[in-house]
Amino acid sequence: MKQFDFKVQSPVGIHARPAVLLVEKARTYQSKIILEKGTQRANAKNMISLLTLRARQHEIVTFMIEGPDEDRAAEELKEFCIHNL
């Protein structure tokens, strides 16, 4: 399993548009991708689940990635987050 923390930079947090982009990106991987904020967890491949986190600007979310392409997914998602979240 790969894991990394990311501090949300977007002024709107992980809201509608950024969430759509993240879901689309997450669905390109076979691995299971979970986001965690505090005690809440969300499936990064499910829009409704992701929006329930209500991750706001400057909050830390943890990405937990497990599966056959976890190494590639972790690296590419880190880069994706820098530019989109």
PDB file of N, CA and C in Angstrom:
ATOM      1  N   MET A   1       0.841  -1.190   0.000  1.00  0.00           N
ATOM      2  CA  MET A   1       0.000   0.000   0.000  1.00  0.00           C
ATOM      3  C   MET A   1       0.878   1.243   0.000  1.00  0.00           C
ATOM      4  N   LYS A   2       0.489   2.202  -0.798  1.00  0.00           N
ATOM      5  CA  LYS A   2       1.156   3.500  -0.851  1.00  0.00           C
ATOM      6  C   LYS A   2       0.259   4.520  -0.167  1.00  0.00           C
ATOM      7  N   GLN A   3       0.866   5.506   0.449  1.00  0.00           N
ATOM      8  CA  GLN A   3       0.103   6.520   1.165  1.00  0.00           C
ATOM      9  C   GLN A   3       0.844   7.851   1.092  1.00  0.00           C
ATOM     10  N   PHE A   4       0.090   8.934   0.956  1.00  0.00           N
ATOM     11  CA  PHE A   4       0.697  10.263   1.037  1.00  0.00           C
ATOM     12  C   PHE A   4      -0.346  11.272   1.503  1.00  0.00           C
ATOM     13  N   ASP A   5       0.127  12.324   2.143  1.00  0.00           N
ATOM     14  CA  ASP A   5      -0.732  13.416   2.604  1.00  0.00           C
ATOM     15  C   ASP A   5      -0.657  14.552   1.601  1.00  0.00           C
ATOM     16  N   PHE A   6      -1.774  15.247   1.477  1.00  0.00           N
ATOM     17  CA  PHE A   6      -1.812  16.411   0.595  1.00  0.00           C
ATOM     18  C   PHE A   6      -2.613  17.520   1.266  1.00  0.00           C
ATOM     19  N   LYS A   7      -2.070  18.727   1.259  1.00  0.00           N
ATOM     20  CA  LYS A   7      -2.755  19.894   1.809  1.00  0.00           C
ATOM     21  C   LYS A   7      -3.532  20.554   0.670  1.00  0.00           C
ATOM     22  N   VAL A   8      -4.836  20.593   0.788  1.00  0.00           N
ATOM     23  CA  VAL A   8      -5.706  21.134  -0.258  1.00  0.00           C
ATOM     24  C   VAL A   8      -5.382  22.609  -0.465  1.00  0.00           C
ATOM     25  N   GLN A   9      -5.104  22.987  -1.698  1.00  0.00           N
ATOM     26  CA  GLN A   9      -4.729  24.359  -2.036  1.00  0.00           C
ATOM     27  C   GLN A   9      -5.861  25.149  -2.702  1.00  0.00           C
ATOM     28  N   SER A  10      -6.768  24.454  -3.342  1.00  0.00           N
ATOM     29  CA  SER A  10      -7.844  25.121  -4.068  1.00  0.00           C
ATOM     30  C   SER A  10      -8.714  25.938  -3.121  1.00  0.00           C
ATOM     31  N   PRO A  11      -9.009  27.195  -3.467  1.00  0.00           N
ATOM     32  CA  PRO A  11      -9.858  28.037  -2.617  1.00  0.00           C
ATOM     33  C   PRO A  11     -11.249  27.437  -2.359  1.00  0.00           C
ATOM     34  N   VAL A  12     -11.727  26.599  -3.277  1.00  0.00           N
ATOM     35  CA  VAL A  12     -13.049  25.979  -3.089  1.00  0.00           C
ATOM     36  C   VAL A  12     -12.939  24.601  -2.456  1.00  0.00           C
ATOM     37  N   GLY A  13     -11.725  24.180  -2.132  1.00  0.00           N
ATOM     38  CA  GLY A  13     -11.522  22.855  -1.560  1.00  0.00           C
ATOM     39  C   GLY A  13     -11.777  21.781  -2.604  1.00  0.00           C
ATOM     40  N   ILE A  14     -12.044  20.562  -2.134  1.00  0.00           N
ATOM     41  CA  ILE A  14     -12.384  19.488  -3.072  1.00  0.00           C
ATOM     42  C   ILE A  14     -13.892  19.555  -3.249  1.00  0.00           C
ATOM     43  N   HIS A  15     -14.297  20.501  -4.078  1.00  0.00           N
ATOM     44  CA  HIS A  15     -15.704  20.758  -4.360  1.00  0.00           C
ATOM     45  C   HIS A  15     -16.018  20.233  -5.758  1.00  0.00           C
ATOM     46  N   ALA A  16     -17.129  20.581  -6.311  1.00  0.00           N
ATOM     47  CA  ALA A  16     -17.653  19.994  -7.543  1.00  0.00           C
ATOM     48  C   ALA A  16     -16.618  19.808  -8.664  1.00  0.00           C
ATOM     49  N   ARG A  17     -16.067  20.877  -9.187  1.00  0.00           N
ATOM     50  CA  ARG A  17     -15.162  20.757 -10.344  1.00  0.00           C
ATOM     51  C   ARG A  17     -13.884  19.987  -9.998  1.00  0.00           C
ATOM     52  N   PRO A  18     -13.181  20.346  -8.919  1.00  0.00           N
ATOM     53  CA  PRO A  18     -11.987  19.571  -8.575  1.00  0.00           C
ATOM     54  C   PRO A  18     -12.308  18.103  -8.274  1.00  0.00           C
ATOM     55  N   ALA A  19     -13.453  17.855  -7.681  1.00  0.00           N
ATOM     56  CA  ALA A  19     -13.844  16.476  -7.366  1.00  0.00           C
ATOM     57  C   ALA A  19     -14.079  15.669  -8.634  1.00  0.00           C
ATOM     58  N   VAL A  20     -14.718  16.259  -9.622  1.00  0.00           N
ATOM     59  CA  VAL A  20     -14.946  15.567 -10.899  1.00  0.00           C
ATOM     60  C   VAL A  20     -13.604  15.180 -11.520  1.00  0.00           C
ATOM     61  N   LEU A  21     -12.666  16.102 -11.523  1.00  0.00           N
ATOM     62  CA  LEU A  21     -11.350  15.824 -12.092  1.00  0.00           C
ATOM     63  C   LEU A  21     -10.645  14.695 -11.342  1.00  0.00           C
ATOM     64  N   LEU A  22     -10.749  14.704 -10.012  1.00  0.00           N
ATOM     65  CA  LEU A  22     -10.104  13.667  -9.219  1.00  0.00           C
ATOM     66  C   LEU A  22     -10.745  12.302  -9.465  1.00  0.00           C
ATOM     67  N   VAL A  23     -12.057  12.249  -9.519  1.00  0.00           N
ATOM     68  CA  VAL A  23     -12.755  10.985  -9.783  1.00  0.00           C
ATOM     69  C   VAL A  23     -12.345  10.439 -11.149  1.00  0.00           C
ATOM     70  N   GLU A  24     -12.317  11.300 -12.155  1.00  0.00           N
ATOM     71  CA  GLU A  24     -11.926  10.857 -13.495  1.00  0.00           C
ATOM     72  C   GLU A  24     -10.503  10.304 -13.493  1.00  0.00           C
ATOM     73  N   LYS A  25      -9.608  10.980 -12.797  1.00  0.00           N
ATOM     74  CA  LYS A  25      -8.217  10.525 -12.722  1.00  0.00           C
ATOM     75  C   LYS A  25      -8.130   9.208 -11.959  1.00  0.00           C
ATOM     76  N   ALA A  26      -8.791   9.105 -10.819  1.00  0.00           N
ATOM     77  CA  ALA A  26      -8.737   7.893  -9.992  1.00  0.00           C
ATOM     78  C   ALA A  26      -9.256   6.676 -10.740  1.00  0.00           C
ATOM     79  N   ARG A  27     -10.250   6.878 -11.572  1.00  0.00           N
ATOM     80  CA  ARG A  27     -10.842   5.761 -12.313  1.00  0.00           C
ATOM     81  C   ARG A  27      -9.929   5.207 -13.400  1.00  0.00           C
ATOM     82  N   THR A  28      -8.828   5.877 -13.674  1.00  0.00           N
ATOM     83  CA  THR A  28      -7.896   5.362 -14.680  1.00  0.00           C
ATOM     84  C   THR A  28      -6.973   4.288 -14.104  1.00  0.00           C
ATOM     85  N   TYR A  29      -7.040   4.061 -12.795  1.00  0.00           N
ATOM     86  CA  TYR A  29      -6.178   3.076 -12.138  1.00  0.00           C
ATOM     87  C   TYR A  29      -6.989   1.867 -11.670  1.00  0.00           C
ATOM     88  N   GLN A  30      -6.334   0.725 -11.649  1.00  0.00           N
ATOM     89  CA  GLN A  30      -6.964  -0.485 -11.133  1.00  0.00           C
ATOM     90  C   GLN A  30      -6.995  -0.487  -9.609  1.00  0.00           C
ATOM     91  N   SER A  31      -6.042   0.165  -8.995  1.00  0.00           N
ATOM     92  CA  SER A  31      -5.913   0.167  -7.539  1.00  0.00           C
ATOM     93  C   SER A  31      -7.106   0.814  -6.849  1.00  0.00           C
ATOM     94  N   LYS A  32      -7.341   0.386  -5.629  1.00  0.00           N
ATOM     95  CA  LYS A  32      -8.343   0.999  -4.764  1.00  0.00           C
ATOM     96  C   LYS A  32      -7.723   2.285  -4.216  1.00  0.00           C
ATOM     97  N   ILE A  33      -8.460   3.404  -4.302  1.00  0.00           N
ATOM     98  CA  ILE A  33      -7.940   4.699  -3.853  1.00  0.00           C
ATOM     99  C   ILE A  33      -8.926   5.292  -2.854  1.00  0.00           C
ATOM    100  N   ILE A  34      -8.450   5.455  -1.628  1.00  0.00           N
ATOM    101  CA  ILE A  34      -9.272   5.990  -0.548  1.00  0.00           C
ATOM    102  C   ILE A  34      -8.658   7.309  -0.083  1.00  0.00           C
ATOM    103  N   LEU A  35      -9.513   8.300   0.150  1.00  0.00           N
ATOM    104  CA  LEU A  35      -9.078   9.554   0.753  1.00  0.00           C
ATOM    105  C   LEU A  35      -9.594   9.589   2.179  1.00  0.00           C
ATOM    106  N   GLU A  36      -8.758  10.080   3.065  1.00  0.00           N
ATOM    107  CA  GLU A  36      -9.132  10.153   4.467  1.00  0.00           C
ATOM    108  C   GLU A  36      -8.902  11.569   4.973  1.00  0.00           C
ATOM    109  N   LYS A  37      -9.887  12.092   5.698  1.00  0.00           N
ATOM    110  CA  LYS A  37      -9.765  13.399   6.356  1.00  0.00           C
ATOM    111  C   LYS A  37     -10.291  13.212   7.771  1.00  0.00           C
ATOM    112  N   GLY A  38      -9.383  13.276   8.728  1.00  0.00           N
ATOM    113  CA  GLY A  38      -9.784  12.995  10.102  1.00  0.00           C
ATOM    114  C   GLY A  38     -10.237  11.548  10.220  1.00  0.00           C
ATOM    115  N   THR A  39     -11.475  11.356  10.674  1.00  0.00           N
ATOM    116  CA  THR A  39     -12.010   9.999  10.817  1.00  0.00           C
ATOM    117  C   THR A  39     -12.881   9.594   9.631  1.00  0.00           C
ATOM    118  N   GLN A  40     -13.032  10.494   8.661  1.00  0.00           N
ATOM    119  CA  GLN A  40     -13.868  10.209   7.499  1.00  0.00           C
ATOM    120  C   GLN A  40     -13.036   9.599   6.373  1.00  0.00           C
ATOM    121  N   ARG A  41     -13.662   8.674   5.653  1.00  0.00           N
ATOM    122  CA  ARG A  41     -13.016   8.063   4.489  1.00  0.00           C
ATOM    123  C   ARG A  41     -13.948   8.150   3.292  1.00  0.00           C
ATOM    124  N   ALA A  42     -13.331   8.253   2.109  1.00  0.00           N
ATOM    125  CA  ALA A  42     -14.119   8.329   0.876  1.00  0.00           C
ATOM    126  C   ALA A  42     -13.424   7.574  -0.240  1.00  0.00           C
ATOM    127  N   ASN A  43     -14.229   6.965  -1.086  1.00  0.00           N
ATOM    128  CA  ASN A  43     -13.742   6.288  -2.280  1.00  0.00           C
ATOM    129  C   ASN A  43     -13.470   7.356  -3.335  1.00  0.00           C
ATOM    130  N   ALA A  44     -12.225   7.473  -3.772  1.00  0.00           N
ATOM    131  CA  ALA A  44     -11.850   8.511  -4.739  1.00  0.00           C
ATOM    132  C   ALA A  44     -12.451   8.279  -6.119  1.00  0.00           C
ATOM    133  N   LYS A  45     -13.029   7.117  -6.345  1.00  0.00           N
ATOM    134  CA  LYS A  45     -13.643   6.815  -7.635  1.00  0.00           C
ATOM    135  C   LYS A  45     -15.147   7.053  -7.629  1.00  0.00           C
ATOM    136  N   ASN A  46     -15.659   7.597  -6.516  1.00  0.00           N
ATOM    137  CA  ASN A  46     -17.090   7.833  -6.371  1.00  0.00           C
ATOM    138  C   ASN A  46     -17.328   9.291  -5.987  1.00  0.00           C
ATOM    139  N   MET A  47     -18.003  10.024  -6.859  1.00  0.00           N
ATOM    140  CA  MET A  47     -18.211  11.459  -6.666  1.00  0.00           C
ATOM    141  C   MET A  47     -18.927  11.781  -5.346  1.00  0.00           C
ATOM    142  N   ILE A  48     -20.024  11.097  -5.080  1.00  0.00           N
ATOM    143  CA  ILE A  48     -20.797  11.385  -3.861  1.00  0.00           C
ATOM    144  C   ILE A  48     -19.954  11.106  -2.621  1.00  0.00           C
ATOM    145  N   SER A  49     -19.262   9.980  -2.624  1.00  0.00           N
ATOM    146  CA  SER A  49     -18.407   9.625  -1.501  1.00  0.00           C
ATOM    147  C   SER A  49     -17.346  10.704  -1.278  1.00  0.00           C
ATOM    148  N   LEU A  50     -16.737  11.147  -2.344  1.00  0.00           N
ATOM    149  CA  LEU A  50     -15.681  12.155  -2.262  1.00  0.00           C
ATOM    150  C   LEU A  50     -16.204  13.486  -1.713  1.00  0.00           C
ATOM    151  N   LEU A  51     -17.369  13.897  -2.163  1.00  0.00           N
ATOM    152  CA  LEU A  51     -17.929  15.167  -1.703  1.00  0.00           C
ATOM    153  C   LEU A  51     -18.311  15.143  -0.228  1.00  0.00           C
ATOM    154  N   THR A  52     -18.590  13.959   0.317  1.00  0.00           N
ATOM    155  CA  THR A  52     -18.956  13.884   1.735  1.00  0.00           C
ATOM    156  C   THR A  52     -17.793  14.242   2.660  1.00  0.00           C
ATOM    157  N   LEU A  53     -16.572  14.228   2.138  1.00  0.00           N
ATOM    158  CA  LEU A  53     -15.427  14.635   2.962  1.00  0.00           C
ATOM    159  C   LEU A  53     -15.458  16.119   3.305  1.00  0.00           C
ATOM    160  N   ARG A  54     -16.024  16.909   2.404  1.00  0.00           N
ATOM    161  CA  ARG A  54     -16.044  18.374   2.577  1.00  0.00           C
ATOM    162  C   ARG A  54     -14.649  18.919   2.901  1.00  0.00           C
ATOM    163  N   ALA A  55     -13.684  18.477   2.125  1.00  0.00           N
ATOM    164  CA  ALA A  55     -12.303  18.927   2.321  1.00  0.00           C
ATOM    165  C   ALA A  55     -12.166  20.366   1.842  1.00  0.00           C
ATOM    166  N   ARG A  56     -11.746  21.213   2.736  1.00  0.00           N
ATOM    167  CA  ARG A  56     -11.618  22.644   2.450  1.00  0.00           C
ATOM    168  C   ARG A  56     -10.149  23.035   2.269  1.00  0.00           C
ATOM    169  N   GLN A  57      -9.972  24.246   1.766  1.00  0.00           N
ATOM    170  CA  GLN A  57      -8.626  24.771   1.552  1.00  0.00           C
ATOM    171  C   GLN A  57      -7.826  24.695   2.853  1.00  0.00           C
ATOM    172  N   HIS A  58      -6.581  24.285   2.746  1.00  0.00           N
ATOM    173  CA  HIS A  58      -5.610  24.156   3.836  1.00  0.00           C
ATOM    174  C   HIS A  58      -5.822  22.930   4.725  1.00  0.00           C
ATOM    175  N   GLU A  59      -6.829  22.105   4.447  1.00  0.00           N
ATOM    176  CA  GLU A  59      -7.005  20.871   5.200  1.00  0.00           C
ATOM    177  C   GLU A  59      -6.142  19.773   4.585  1.00  0.00           C
ATOM    178  N   ILE A  60      -5.736  18.830   5.418  1.00  0.00           N
ATOM    179  CA  ILE A  60      -4.899  17.717   4.975  1.00  0.00           C
ATOM    180  C   ILE A  60      -5.780  16.510   4.684  1.00  0.00           C
ATOM    181  N   VAL A  61      -5.592  15.936   3.501  1.00  0.00           N
ATOM    182  CA  VAL A  61      -6.248  14.674   3.160  1.00  0.00           C
ATOM    183  C   VAL A  61      -5.144  13.639   2.910  1.00  0.00           C
ATOM    184  N   THR A  62      -5.417  12.423   3.309  1.00  0.00           N
ATOM    185  CA  THR A  62      -4.471  11.324   3.115  1.00  0.00           C
ATOM    186  C   THR A  62      -4.982  10.421   2.015  1.00  0.00           C
ATOM    187  N   PHE A  63      -4.134  10.165   1.047  1.00  0.00           N
ATOM    188  CA  PHE A  63      -4.444   9.236  -0.037  1.00  0.00           C
ATOM    189  C   PHE A  63      -3.881   7.874   0.348  1.00  0.00           C
ATOM    190  N   MET A  64      -4.718   6.841   0.283  1.00  0.00           N
ATOM    191  CA  MET A  64      -4.288   5.473   0.531  1.00  0.00           C
ATOM    192  C   MET A  64      -4.595   4.669  -0.727  1.00  0.00           C
ATOM    193  N   ILE A  65      -3.557   4.109  -1.313  1.00  0.00           N
ATOM    194  CA  ILE A  65      -3.674   3.466  -2.620  1.00  0.00           C
ATOM    195  C   ILE A  65      -3.162   2.031  -2.502  1.00  0.00           C
ATOM    196  N   GLU A  66      -4.000   1.091  -2.919  1.00  0.00           N
ATOM    197  CA  GLU A  66      -3.608  -0.309  -2.831  1.00  0.00           C
ATOM    198  C   GLU A  66      -4.068  -1.063  -4.066  1.00  0.00           C
ATOM    199  N   GLY A  67      -3.126  -1.730  -4.718  1.00  0.00           N
ATOM    200  CA  GLY A  67      -3.483  -2.507  -5.893  1.00  0.00           C
ATOM    201  C   GLY A  67      -2.306  -2.699  -6.824  1.00  0.00           C
ATOM    202  N   PRO A  68      -2.581  -3.282  -7.986  1.00  0.00           N
ATOM    203  CA  PRO A  68      -1.500  -3.658  -8.903  1.00  0.00           C
ATOM    204  C   PRO A  68      -0.729  -2.481  -9.502  1.00  0.00           C
ATOM    205  N   ASP A  69      -1.332  -1.318  -9.579  1.00  0.00           N
ATOM    206  CA  ASP A  69      -0.634  -0.158 -10.147  1.00  0.00           C
ATOM    207  C   ASP A  69      -0.456   0.959  -9.115  1.00  0.00           C
ATOM    208  N   GLU A  70      -0.335   0.580  -7.846  1.00  0.00           N
ATOM    209  CA  GLU A  70      -0.271   1.568  -6.765  1.00  0.00           C
ATOM    210  C   GLU A  70       0.931   2.498  -6.859  1.00  0.00           C
ATOM    211  N   ASP A  71       2.073   1.997  -7.299  1.00  0.00           N
ATOM    212  CA  ASP A  71       3.258   2.860  -7.399  1.00  0.00           C
ATOM    213  C   ASP A  71       3.024   3.984  -8.411  1.00  0.00           C
ATOM    214  N   ARG A  72       2.568   3.600  -9.584  1.00  0.00           N
ATOM    215  CA  ARG A  72       2.302   4.593 -10.636  1.00  0.00           C
ATOM    216  C   ARG A  72       1.179   5.527 -10.207  1.00  0.00           C
ATOM    217  N   ALA A  73       0.124   4.977  -9.626  1.00  0.00           N
ATOM    218  CA  ALA A  73      -1.015   5.793  -9.196  1.00  0.00           C
ATOM    219  C   ALA A  73      -0.589   6.828  -8.155  1.00  0.00           C
ATOM    220  N   ALA A  74       0.203   6.415  -7.191  1.00  0.00           N
ATOM    221  CA  ALA A  74       0.642   7.341  -6.139  1.00  0.00           C
ATOM    222  C   ALA A  74       1.444   8.497  -6.725  1.00  0.00           C
ATOM    223  N   GLU A  75       2.393   8.181  -7.583  1.00  0.00           N
ATOM    224  CA  GLU A  75       3.218   9.237  -8.178  1.00  0.00           C
ATOM    225  C   GLU A  75       2.396  10.183  -9.042  1.00  0.00           C
ATOM    226  N   GLU A  76       1.548   9.633  -9.872  1.00  0.00           N
ATOM    227  CA  GLU A  76       0.753  10.475 -10.768  1.00  0.00           C
ATOM    228  C   GLU A  76      -0.310  11.271 -10.011  1.00  0.00           C
ATOM    229  N   LEU A  77      -0.880  10.698  -8.969  1.00  0.00           N
ATOM    230  CA  LEU A  77      -1.875  11.441  -8.190  1.00  0.00           C
ATOM    231  C   LEU A  77      -1.251  12.578  -7.394  1.00  0.00           C
ATOM    232  N   LYS A  78      -0.024  12.393  -6.910  1.00  0.00           N
ATOM    233  CA  LYS A  78       0.671  13.487  -6.240  1.00  0.00           C
ATOM    234  C   LYS A  78       0.798  14.676  -7.189  1.00  0.00           C
ATOM    235  N   GLU A  79       1.256  14.399  -8.382  1.00  0.00           N
ATOM    236  CA  GLU A  79       1.432  15.463  -9.380  1.00  0.00           C
ATOM    237  C   GLU A  79       0.089  16.086  -9.756  1.00  0.00           C
ATOM    238  N   PHE A  80      -0.929  15.247  -9.936  1.00  0.00           N
ATOM    239  CA  PHE A  80      -2.265  15.723 -10.243  1.00  0.00           C
ATOM    240  C   PHE A  80      -2.772  16.684  -9.164  1.00  0.00           C
ATOM    241  N   CYS A  81      -2.583  16.327  -7.912  1.00  0.00           N
ATOM    242  CA  CYS A  81      -3.063  17.149  -6.802  1.00  0.00           C
ATOM    243  C   CYS A  81      -2.410  18.521  -6.785  1.00  0.00           C
ATOM    244  N   ILE A  82      -1.125  18.565  -7.049  1.00  0.00           N
ATOM    245  CA  ILE A  82      -0.405  19.840  -7.057  1.00  0.00           C
ATOM    246  C   ILE A  82      -1.025  20.820  -8.035  1.00  0.00           C
ATOM    247  N   HIS A  83      -1.482  20.324  -9.173  1.00  0.00           N
ATOM    248  CA  HIS A  83      -2.009  21.196 -10.216  1.00  0.00           C
ATOM    249  C   HIS A  83      -3.524  21.402 -10.174  1.00  0.00           C
ATOM    250  N   ASN A  84      -4.243  20.548  -9.450  1.00  0.00           N
ATOM    251  CA  ASN A  84      -5.705  20.600  -9.517  1.00  0.00           C
ATOM    252  C   ASN A  84      -6.424  20.731  -8.182  1.00  0.00           C
ATOM    253  N   LEU A  85      -5.765  20.443  -7.088  1.00  0.00           N
ATOM    254  CA  LEU A  85      -6.443  20.516  -5.793  1.00  0.00           C
ATOM    255  C   LEU A  85      -5.770  21.510  -4.882  1.00  0.00           C
TER     256      LEU A  85
END
